[in-house]
C-alpha cells in the first residue's frame, strides 16, 4: 500500500479517517490470494457455504448500528437510511445463501445418451462500488458472487471505504475463509484500472457514472471479460390527470430528495399532465419547501449533505440564474449543503432537464396526452427507472410497456428490491442484478453429454 485516501465527513467537511490506497502490486497480490481461497470455497459443500453466508448475515445484523453510524460519518446519509442499508446487506446475504443449494443445472433430452449442464463459478470477481450507497450496492455484487462459489475483491469508492473494510472484518469473524472477500481501497486510475485489466479477474461489476462505465466496458472488451454495469439515470415521474394528485404530490419529494438526490433512480423529471399541472405544483411546492435538511445523525432529519465540494459545485452549475426554482432550506457553514430544489418552466431540452444532476433537484414539465408523456419520458439517453400515477389500469400497462426503462412503479416510487431484478436500458447499464437469477450471473454454463451407446 502507498499514498492514502482522506475520508471526509460531508456534514462538516472535516477529515475523519485516512486509509492506505492500494497499488497495482497490491491488486496483483490480492488476486493471487483470492484465487487460492476461491478453489477451497468452491470445493466446499453447498450447505456449508450457505451456512457461512448466513453467519455473515447474522454478524452484519448484530453490528447494524455500528455500520449505520459509519455510513452517516463517511457518506452523510441520514441515520434512518443508514440503518436500512445495513439491514439490506444482511437481507442480501440471507437471500443469496438461500440460492447456494438451488444453483442447479438441467438435464436436456438428447438421443444416444444424457445431457446435463453445470453452473460453475467464474473465479475471482472484481466489484467496484460507488459512494452513493456504499454498503448495499457492494453487497449486490459480493453476496451472489460468493454464493455462486466465487471469491471477491471489492474496491470501494475513494470517498467511502470505511463500511466496506468493516464488512470484510465481519466476514472473517463469521468464519468465511481468509482472502475470500478482500477490500482494497484505492484510486480508480490505479486500483480500479488494475482490477479491470488483471487477467486473473474473471468478471467486473461496476456501479457509477456512465462515462466511467464506458471506459471499463472498453477495457473489458479487449480482454473478452464479462461486465455488469449499473450506470446513470434521469428517471421520469409521470402524473396523469386522473391520478390521486394528493398522493402523487405527497410521494414526490423523497422520490428525488432521498439520499440528497444522489441516486441513479431518483425521479428528477416530474412530468405532469397540463390540465392539472398548476394544481399539482401548488400541492408539491410547500412539501419540497418543508423537507427537514440538517444533521444526518438526527433522527428527525429527512435530507443530509452532498458527498463532496465537487458534487456541490456540480449541482450548483445546473441550477442557473435564468431558471425559476422553488427552494427549501439547508444549513449554512461547513459541509456540502444544497437545498431541496424544484425547477419549473424549463425548456425540456435544457441540461437540468435531460442530464443527471445527482443532487436534490427535480424539473417539473407539462405534457398533453399519453403519447406526449411517453415521448418526454424517453427523451434522454438513460433508461433506469421511473414511476407513473394513474387510476386507469389499461393506461398503466400501456405506458409501462412504452417507457424505455428497466424498473417501473405504478402509483409508487419503489424500484429496488433484493428479490427482483434490477438494471437499465440504453446508457443506464448492462445486465441485471438482484432477484432470483443473481447467482447465475456469476457462473459459466458447462454442458456435458454422456453417451449410453458406447
Protein backbone atom coordinates (compact mmCIF):
# COMPACT_ATOMS: atom_id res chain seq x y z
CA UNK A 1 0.00 0.00 0.00
CA UNK A 2 1.14 3.57 -0.69
CA UNK A 3 -0.37 7.02 -0.61
CA UNK A 4 -3.57 7.46 1.39
CA UNK A 5 -7.23 8.25 0.92
CA UNK A 6 -8.68 11.04 3.05
CA UNK A 7 -12.21 10.34 4.25
CA UNK A 8 -14.30 13.46 4.93
CA UNK A 9 -17.49 13.89 6.90
CA UNK A 10 -19.80 15.51 4.31
CA UNK A 11 -21.79 17.28 7.04
CA UNK A 12 -18.75 19.15 8.35
CA UNK A 13 -16.01 18.85 5.72
CA UNK A 14 -13.67 17.52 8.41
CA UNK A 15 -11.30 14.59 7.92
CA UNK A 16 -12.49 11.56 9.89
CA UNK A 17 -10.03 8.92 8.66
CA UNK A 18 -7.14 8.23 6.35
CA UNK A 19 -6.93 4.87 4.64
CA UNK A 20 -3.95 3.43 2.72
CA UNK A 21 -4.53 3.33 -1.03
CA UNK A 22 -3.88 0.08 -2.88
CA UNK A 23 -1.28 -0.05 -5.65
CA UNK A 24 -1.20 -2.25 -8.73
CA UNK A 25 1.13 -4.61 -6.86
CA UNK A 26 -1.39 -4.83 -4.03
CA UNK A 27 -4.10 -5.79 -6.52
CA UNK A 28 -1.88 -8.44 -8.08
CA UNK A 29 -1.10 -9.98 -4.70
CA UNK A 30 -4.77 -9.89 -3.70
CA UNK A 31 -5.81 -11.72 -6.88
CA UNK A 32 -3.27 -14.47 -6.18
CA UNK A 33 -4.59 -14.90 -2.65
CA UNK A 34 -8.20 -14.78 -3.80
CA UNK A 35 -7.68 -17.44 -6.46
CA UNK A 36 -6.37 -19.89 -3.88
CA UNK A 37 -9.21 -19.13 -1.46
CA UNK A 38 -11.78 -19.49 -4.24
CA UNK A 39 -10.71 -23.02 -5.10
CA UNK A 40 -11.20 -24.09 -1.49
CA UNK A 41 -14.52 -22.27 -1.24
CA UNK A 42 -15.91 -23.75 -4.45
CA UNK A 43 -14.97 -27.25 -3.30
CA UNK A 44 -16.89 -26.88 -0.03
CA UNK A 45 -20.31 -28.49 0.31
CA UNK A 46 -23.09 -26.11 -0.75
CA UNK A 47 -24.75 -26.41 2.66
CA UNK A 48 -21.53 -25.33 4.34
CA UNK A 49 -21.15 -22.30 2.09
CA UNK A 50 -24.76 -21.34 2.73
CA UNK A 51 -24.31 -21.72 6.48
CA UNK A 52 -21.27 -19.41 6.50
CA UNK A 53 -23.07 -16.78 4.46
CA UNK A 54 -25.93 -16.85 6.97
CA UNK A 55 -23.42 -16.38 9.76
CA UNK A 56 -22.05 -13.40 7.85
CA UNK A 57 -25.59 -12.02 7.60
CA UNK A 58 -26.08 -12.50 11.34
CA UNK A 59 -22.81 -10.69 12.07
CA UNK A 60 -23.94 -7.75 9.93
CA UNK A 61 -27.26 -7.71 11.76
CA UNK A 62 -25.53 -7.70 15.14
CA UNK A 63 -23.46 -4.69 14.07
CA UNK A 64 -26.24 -2.75 12.33
CA UNK A 65 -25.88 0.38 14.44
CA UNK A 66 -22.10 0.44 14.13
CA UNK A 67 -22.28 0.09 10.34
CA UNK A 68 -25.02 2.70 10.12
CA UNK A 69 -23.00 5.21 12.14
CA UNK A 70 -20.02 4.64 9.83
CA UNK A 71 -22.28 5.31 6.83
CA UNK A 72 -23.50 8.55 8.40
CA UNK A 73 -19.91 9.57 9.09
CA UNK A 74 -18.41 8.91 5.66
CA UNK A 75 -21.39 9.33 3.32
CA UNK A 76 -23.67 11.82 5.10
CA UNK A 77 -26.67 9.52 4.93
CA UNK A 78 -29.49 10.08 7.37
CA UNK A 79 -29.32 7.64 10.26
CA UNK A 80 -32.64 6.03 9.34
CA UNK A 81 -31.47 5.37 5.79
CA UNK A 82 -28.13 4.07 7.02
CA UNK A 83 -29.78 1.55 9.33
CA UNK A 84 -31.92 0.36 6.42
CA UNK A 85 -28.80 0.00 4.26
CA UNK A 86 -27.02 -2.18 6.82
CA UNK A 87 -30.16 -4.30 7.14
CA UNK A 88 -30.28 -4.57 3.35
CA UNK A 89 -26.77 -6.06 3.36
CA UNK A 90 -27.98 -8.62 5.88
CA UNK A 91 -31.02 -9.45 3.75
CA UNK A 92 -28.97 -9.75 0.57
CA UNK A 93 -26.61 -12.21 2.24
CA UNK A 94 -29.51 -14.26 3.59
CA UNK A 95 -31.24 -14.27 0.21
CA UNK A 96 -28.06 -15.26 -1.61
CA UNK A 97 -27.39 -18.02 0.93
CA UNK A 98 -30.79 -19.48 0.07
CA UNK A 99 -29.68 -19.82 -3.54
CA UNK A 100 -26.48 -21.78 -2.91
CA UNK A 101 -28.21 -25.16 -2.72
CA UNK A 102 -30.62 -24.25 -5.54
CA UNK A 103 -27.98 -23.33 -8.10
CA UNK A 104 -28.79 -26.33 -10.24
CA UNK A 105 -28.20 -27.21 -13.86
CA UNK A 106 -30.56 -29.03 -16.22
CA UNK A 107 -30.98 -32.43 -17.81
CA UNK A 108 -31.78 -31.96 -21.50
CA UNK A 109 -33.29 -34.82 -23.58
CA UNK A 110 -30.92 -35.92 -26.35
CA UNK A 111 -30.64 -39.08 -28.48
CA UNK A 112 -27.97 -41.65 -27.65
CA UNK A 113 -27.27 -40.58 -24.08
CA UNK A 114 -27.96 -37.96 -21.48
CA UNK A 115 -27.03 -34.30 -21.47
CA UNK A 116 -26.55 -32.28 -18.29
CA UNK A 117 -25.48 -28.74 -17.54
CA UNK A 118 -23.45 -27.44 -14.61
CA UNK A 119 -23.32 -23.86 -13.34
CA UNK A 120 -19.70 -23.35 -12.36
CA UNK A 121 -18.22 -20.31 -10.59
CA UNK A 122 -16.25 -17.85 -12.68
CA UNK A 123 -13.35 -17.48 -10.24
CA UNK A 124 -12.33 -14.11 -8.79
CA UNK A 125 -14.83 -11.27 -9.20
CA UNK A 126 -13.91 -7.58 -9.11
CA UNK A 127 -16.62 -5.41 -7.57
CA UNK A 128 -16.20 -1.64 -7.92
CA UNK A 129 -18.73 0.04 -5.65
CA UNK A 130 -19.94 3.67 -5.66
CA UNK A 131 -20.01 6.29 -2.94
CA UNK A 132 -23.74 7.00 -3.06
CA UNK A 133 -24.84 3.68 -1.49
CA UNK A 134 -21.56 2.16 -0.29
CA UNK A 135 -22.94 -0.77 1.69
CA UNK A 136 -25.93 -2.13 -0.21
CA UNK A 137 -24.52 -1.81 -3.71
CA UNK A 138 -21.29 -3.52 -2.64
CA UNK A 139 -23.49 -6.35 -1.34
CA UNK A 140 -25.40 -6.51 -4.65
CA UNK A 141 -22.19 -7.84 -6.14
CA UNK A 142 -20.42 -9.64 -3.34
CA UNK A 143 -23.37 -11.61 -1.91
CA UNK A 144 -24.43 -13.50 -5.07
CA UNK A 145 -20.83 -13.82 -6.25
CA UNK A 146 -19.79 -15.52 -3.01
CA UNK A 147 -22.93 -17.66 -3.00
CA UNK A 148 -22.12 -18.91 -6.50
CA UNK A 149 -18.71 -20.11 -5.34
CA UNK A 150 -16.50 -17.17 -6.32
CA UNK A 151 -14.00 -15.04 -4.45
CA UNK A 152 -14.49 -11.28 -4.41
CA UNK A 153 -12.14 -8.31 -4.42
CA UNK A 154 -14.12 -5.20 -3.54
CA UNK A 155 -12.82 -1.75 -4.39
CA UNK A 156 -14.96 0.80 -2.59
CA UNK A 157 -15.23 4.39 -3.77
CA UNK A 158 -12.38 6.62 -2.68
CA UNK A 159 -14.69 8.73 -0.51
CA UNK A 160 -16.41 5.85 1.32
CA UNK A 161 -14.12 2.92 2.20
CA UNK A 162 -14.96 2.54 5.90
CA UNK A 163 -18.10 0.39 5.79
CA UNK A 164 -16.53 -1.91 3.17
CA UNK A 165 -13.48 -2.51 5.36
CA UNK A 166 -15.72 -3.28 8.33
CA UNK A 167 -17.82 -5.72 6.30
CA UNK A 168 -14.66 -7.64 5.37
CA UNK A 169 -13.75 -7.91 9.04
CA UNK A 170 -17.22 -9.21 9.88
CA UNK A 171 -16.94 -11.81 7.11
CA UNK A 172 -13.77 -13.16 8.71
CA UNK A 173 -15.37 -13.10 12.15
CA UNK A 174 -18.27 -15.13 10.73
CA UNK A 175 -15.89 -17.84 9.52
CA UNK A 176 -15.54 -17.12 5.82
CA UNK A 177 -12.14 -18.28 4.57
CA UNK A 178 -9.30 -15.80 4.71
CA UNK A 179 -8.79 -13.86 1.46
CA UNK A 180 -12.17 -14.95 0.05
CA UNK A 181 -13.53 -11.41 0.45
CA UNK A 182 -10.85 -8.74 0.25
CA UNK A 183 -11.38 -4.99 0.30
CA UNK A 184 -8.84 -2.81 -1.48
CA UNK A 185 -9.49 0.91 -1.09
CA UNK A 186 -7.75 2.83 -3.81
CA UNK A 187 -7.95 5.31 -6.61
CA UNK A 188 -9.89 4.50 -9.71
CA UNK A 189 -6.99 5.13 -12.06
CA UNK A 190 -4.74 2.83 -10.02
CA UNK A 191 -6.52 0.10 -8.10
CA UNK A 192 -9.65 0.27 -10.24
CA UNK A 193 -7.78 0.02 -13.52
CA UNK A 194 -5.60 -2.76 -12.13
CA UNK A 195 -8.69 -4.82 -11.23
CA UNK A 196 -10.27 -4.27 -14.63
CA UNK A 197 -7.10 -5.14 -16.52
CA UNK A 198 -5.92 -8.07 -14.39
CA UNK A 199 -6.06 -11.42 -16.24
CA UNK A 200 -6.94 -13.18 -13.00
CA UNK A 201 -10.19 -11.24 -12.58
CA UNK A 202 -12.97 -13.18 -14.28
CA UNK A 203 -15.68 -10.50 -14.22
CA UNK A 204 -16.15 -6.86 -13.27
CA UNK A 205 -19.24 -5.49 -11.55
CA UNK A 206 -19.33 -1.71 -11.63
CA UNK A 207 -21.79 0.87 -10.39
CA UNK A 208 -21.07 4.50 -11.16
CA UNK A 209 -21.11 7.10 -13.89
CA UNK A 210 -21.91 6.26 -17.49
CA UNK A 211 -18.62 7.83 -18.60
CA UNK A 212 -16.53 5.58 -16.36
CA UNK A 213 -18.70 2.58 -17.18
CA UNK A 214 -17.96 3.00 -20.87
CA UNK A 215 -14.23 3.10 -20.16
CA UNK A 216 -14.43 -0.08 -18.10
CA UNK A 217 -16.53 -1.80 -20.76
CA UNK A 218 -13.96 -0.94 -23.44
CA UNK A 219 -11.10 -2.33 -21.36
CA UNK A 220 -13.03 -5.49 -20.58
CA UNK A 221 -13.97 -5.92 -24.24
CA UNK A 222 -10.29 -6.02 -25.15
CA UNK A 223 -9.95 -8.99 -22.79
CA UNK A 224 -13.37 -10.56 -23.54
CA UNK A 225 -14.12 -10.12 -19.85
CA UNK A 226 -17.82 -10.04 -18.85
CA UNK A 227 -19.18 -6.98 -17.08
CA UNK A 228 -22.28 -5.91 -15.25
CA UNK A 229 -22.77 -2.14 -15.36
CA UNK A 230 -25.27 -0.10 -13.35
CA UNK A 231 -24.84 3.46 -14.55
CA UNK A 232 -26.67 6.78 -14.67
CA UNK A 233 -30.33 7.72 -14.73
CA UNK A 234 -32.73 10.58 -15.34
CA UNK A 235 -35.93 8.92 -14.30
CA UNK A 236 -39.42 10.26 -15.02
CA UNK A 237 -42.28 10.57 -12.57
CA UNK A 238 -45.38 10.74 -14.80
CA UNK A 239 -48.55 12.14 -13.24
CA UNK A 240 -51.76 11.82 -15.26
CA UNK A 241 -54.81 14.00 -14.66
CA UNK A 242 -56.84 11.04 -13.37
CA UNK A 243 -54.29 10.21 -10.65
CA UNK A 244 -54.77 10.73 -6.94
CA UNK A 245 -52.94 14.06 -7.07
CA UNK A 246 -52.62 14.43 -3.30
CA UNK A 247 -50.97 11.01 -3.01
CA UNK A 248 -48.71 11.64 -6.01
CA UNK A 249 -47.62 15.01 -4.63
CA UNK A 250 -47.00 13.61 -1.15
CA UNK A 251 -44.77 10.88 -2.55
CA UNK A 252 -42.85 13.07 -5.00
CA UNK A 253 -40.38 14.96 -2.73
CA UNK A 254 -38.50 11.98 -1.35
CA UNK A 255 -38.55 10.29 -4.77
CA UNK A 256 -35.85 12.76 -5.77
CA UNK A 257 -34.56 14.01 -2.40
CA UNK A 258 -33.79 10.66 -0.78
CA UNK A 259 -30.03 10.38 -0.27
CA UNK A 260 -29.88 14.08 -1.25
CA UNK A 261 -30.74 13.13 -4.82
CA UNK A 262 -27.55 11.09 -5.16
CA UNK A 263 -29.43 8.14 -6.54
CA UNK A 264 -29.46 6.82 -10.11
CA UNK A 265 -33.17 6.01 -9.65
CA UNK A 266 -34.14 9.49 -8.43
CA UNK A 267 -37.35 10.71 -10.10
CA UNK A 268 -35.84 14.01 -11.18
CA UNK A 269 -38.17 14.70 -14.13
CA UNK A 270 -41.72 15.21 -12.87
CA UNK A 271 -43.99 15.07 -15.93
CA UNK A 272 -47.50 16.37 -15.17
CA UNK A 273 -50.49 16.42 -17.50
CA UNK A 274 -51.09 20.02 -18.50
CA UNK A 275 -54.69 20.18 -17.27
CA UNK A 276 -53.58 19.55 -13.66
CA UNK A 277 -50.05 20.99 -13.83
CA UNK A 278 -50.72 24.13 -11.79
CA UNK A 279 -52.81 22.35 -9.19
CA UNK A 280 -50.16 19.67 -8.75
CA UNK A 281 -47.42 22.26 -8.40
CA UNK A 282 -49.46 24.04 -5.72
CA UNK A 283 -49.60 20.76 -3.79
CA UNK A 284 -45.95 19.86 -4.33
CA UNK A 285 -44.12 23.16 -3.71
CA UNK A 286 -44.84 23.50 0.02
CA UNK A 287 -43.89 19.88 0.61
CA UNK A 288 -40.49 20.42 -1.00
CA UNK A 289 -40.00 23.65 0.95
CA UNK A 290 -40.82 21.83 4.20
CA UNK A 291 -38.29 18.98 3.95
CA UNK A 292 -36.10 18.86 7.06
CA UNK A 293 -32.46 19.26 6.00
CA UNK A 294 -29.70 19.03 8.59
CA UNK A 295 -27.50 16.85 10.75
CA UNK A 296 -27.79 13.33 9.27
CA UNK A 297 -27.32 11.80 12.72
CA UNK A 298 -30.51 13.49 13.93
CA UNK A 299 -33.46 11.10 13.84
CA UNK A 300 -35.76 13.86 12.52
CA UNK A 301 -33.60 14.79 9.53
CA UNK A 302 -35.03 13.87 6.11
CA UNK A 303 -32.13 15.00 3.94
CA UNK A 304 -28.42 15.36 4.62
CA UNK A 305 -25.48 16.90 2.75
CA UNK A 306 -24.00 16.10 -0.63
CA UNK A 307 -20.92 13.89 -0.61
CA UNK A 308 -18.25 16.48 -1.52
CA UNK A 309 -17.41 20.01 -2.60
CA UNK A 310 -17.03 18.77 -6.18
CA UNK A 311 -20.55 17.37 -6.12
CA UNK A 312 -21.89 20.57 -4.62
CA UNK A 313 -20.25 22.59 -7.39
CA UNK A 314 -21.71 20.25 -10.00
CA UNK A 315 -25.25 20.62 -8.67
CA UNK A 316 -24.95 24.41 -8.48
CA UNK A 317 -23.84 24.55 -12.11
CA UNK A 318 -27.15 23.08 -13.29
CA UNK A 319 -29.48 25.49 -11.47
CA UNK A 320 -28.61 28.64 -13.36
CA UNK A 321 -29.94 32.12 -12.57
CA UNK A 322 -32.28 32.13 -15.57
CA UNK A 323 -34.31 29.23 -14.17
CA UNK A 324 -37.39 29.56 -11.98
CA UNK A 325 -36.98 27.49 -8.85
CA UNK A 326 -38.80 26.63 -5.64
CA UNK A 327 -36.28 26.02 -2.87
CA UNK A 328 -36.32 24.61 0.60
CA UNK A 329 -33.69 25.44 3.20
CA UNK A 330 -30.29 23.96 4.05
CA UNK A 331 -27.71 24.71 6.77
CA UNK A 332 -25.11 27.42 6.30
CA UNK A 333 -21.50 26.97 7.27
CA UNK A 334 -19.23 23.92 6.97
CA UNK A 335 -20.30 20.89 4.98
CA UNK A 336 -21.62 20.31 1.49
CA UNK A 337 -25.20 21.55 1.70
CA UNK A 338 -27.69 22.29 -1.06
CA UNK A 339 -31.41 22.93 -0.54
CA UNK A 340 -34.25 20.83 -1.99
CA UNK A 341 -34.96 22.47 -5.35
CA UNK A 342 -37.85 22.28 -7.80
CA UNK A 343 -37.25 23.84 -11.23
CA UNK A 344 -40.30 24.97 -13.19
CA UNK A 345 -40.76 26.42 -16.65
CA UNK A 346 -37.51 24.96 -18.00
CA UNK A 347 -37.02 24.02 -21.63
CA UNK A 348 -37.43 20.21 -21.89
CA UNK A 349 -34.04 20.07 -23.65
CA UNK A 350 -32.15 22.15 -21.07
CA UNK A 351 -29.23 20.37 -19.35
CA UNK A 352 -31.05 20.35 -16.00
CA UNK A 353 -33.97 18.54 -17.68
CA UNK A 354 -32.05 15.82 -19.53
CA UNK A 355 -28.68 15.32 -17.77
CA UNK A 356 -28.07 13.54 -14.49
CA UNK A 357 -27.59 16.25 -11.86
CA UNK A 358 -27.10 13.77 -9.00
CA UNK A 359 -28.37 16.17 -6.39
CA UNK A 360 -31.62 17.34 -4.76
CA UNK A 361 -33.02 18.94 -7.91
CA UNK A 362 -36.11 18.00 -9.95
CA UNK A 363 -37.67 19.60 -13.01
CA UNK A 364 -41.45 19.84 -13.48
CA UNK A 365 -42.51 19.58 -17.13
CA UNK A 366 -46.06 19.59 -18.59
CA UNK A 367 -47.35 17.09 -21.16
CA UNK A 368 -50.55 16.95 -23.20
CA UNK A 369 -51.58 13.31 -23.58
CA UNK A 370 -50.35 9.75 -23.19
CA UNK A 371 -48.21 9.80 -26.34
CA UNK A 372 -46.64 13.09 -25.31
CA UNK A 373 -45.87 11.69 -21.84
CA UNK A 374 -44.10 8.67 -23.33
CA UNK A 375 -42.17 10.86 -25.75
CA UNK A 376 -40.91 13.09 -22.93
CA UNK A 377 -40.16 10.12 -20.66
CA UNK A 378 -37.96 8.54 -23.34
CA UNK A 379 -36.24 11.79 -24.37
CA UNK A 380 -32.94 11.08 -22.56
CA UNK A 381 -30.01 8.75 -23.10
CA UNK A 382 -30.91 6.95 -19.86
CA UNK A 383 -33.46 4.27 -19.02
CA UNK A 384 -33.04 3.05 -15.47
CA UNK A 385 -36.30 3.58 -13.61
CA UNK A 386 -39.48 5.62 -13.41
CA UNK A 387 -42.96 5.96 -11.97
CA UNK A 388 -46.43 6.69 -13.27
CA UNK A 389 -49.54 7.74 -11.43
CA UNK A 390 -52.98 6.92 -12.81
CA UNK A 391 -56.22 5.20 -11.82
CA UNK A 392 -56.53 3.67 -15.32
CA UNK A 393 -55.13 0.12 -15.26
CA UNK A 394 -55.02 -0.08 -19.05
CA UNK A 395 -53.03 3.15 -19.25
CA UNK A 396 -50.69 1.93 -16.51
CA UNK A 397 -49.87 -1.18 -18.54
CA UNK A 398 -49.57 0.66 -21.87
CA UNK A 399 -47.26 3.33 -20.52
CA UNK A 400 -45.19 0.83 -18.52
CA UNK A 401 -44.54 -1.10 -21.70
CA UNK A 402 -43.82 2.04 -23.73
CA UNK A 403 -41.34 3.72 -21.37
CA UNK A 404 -37.80 2.51 -22.11
CA UNK A 405 -36.62 1.76 -18.58
CA UNK A 406 -35.68 -1.34 -16.68
CA UNK A 407 -37.64 -0.67 -13.48
CA UNK A 408 -41.03 1.00 -13.27
CA UNK A 409 -43.54 1.59 -10.49
CA UNK A 410 -47.24 2.36 -10.75
CA UNK A 411 -48.69 4.64 -8.06
CA UNK A 412 -45.49 4.31 -6.05
CA UNK A 413 -41.78 5.01 -6.29
CA UNK A 414 -40.36 1.63 -5.37
CA UNK A 415 -37.63 0.43 -7.74
CA UNK A 416 -35.17 -1.78 -5.90
CA UNK A 417 -36.00 -4.98 -4.05
CA UNK A 418 -33.32 -7.57 -3.47
CA UNK A 419 -35.64 -10.37 -4.63
CA UNK A 420 -36.49 -8.78 -8.02
CA UNK A 421 -34.16 -7.99 -10.95
CA UNK A 422 -32.65 -4.53 -11.32
CA UNK A 423 -30.89 -2.85 -14.24
CA UNK A 424 -31.27 -0.32 -17.02
CA UNK A 425 -31.92 0.27 -20.69
CA UNK A 426 -29.80 2.38 -23.03
CA UNK A 427 -26.89 4.14 -21.32
CA UNK A 428 -28.13 3.24 -17.84
CA UNK A 429 -26.26 -0.01 -17.89
CA UNK A 430 -25.76 -3.57 -19.00
CA UNK A 431 -27.03 -6.74 -17.35
CA UNK A 432 -29.23 -7.26 -14.32
CA UNK A 433 -28.50 -7.53 -10.62
CA UNK A 434 -30.54 -8.87 -7.69
CA UNK A 435 -33.54 -11.17 -7.96
CA UNK A 436 -33.80 -14.92 -8.40
CA UNK A 437 -31.21 -15.05 -11.22
CA UNK A 438 -28.49 -13.06 -9.45
CA UNK A 439 -26.29 -16.06 -8.72
CA UNK A 440 -26.29 -17.31 -12.31
CA UNK A 441 -24.71 -14.03 -13.43
CA UNK A 442 -21.56 -15.21 -11.64
CA UNK A 443 -21.38 -18.63 -13.28
CA UNK A 444 -20.45 -20.27 -16.55
CA UNK A 445 -22.75 -22.92 -18.02
CA UNK A 446 -20.91 -26.14 -18.79
CA UNK A 447 -22.67 -28.69 -21.00
CA UNK A 448 -21.77 -32.39 -20.67
CA UNK A 449 -23.04 -35.16 -22.95
CA UNK A 450 -22.69 -38.76 -21.76
CA UNK A 451 -23.17 -41.45 -24.37
CA UNK A 452 -25.19 -44.51 -23.36
CA UNK A 453 -24.36 -46.38 -26.54
CA UNK A 454 -20.62 -46.83 -26.12
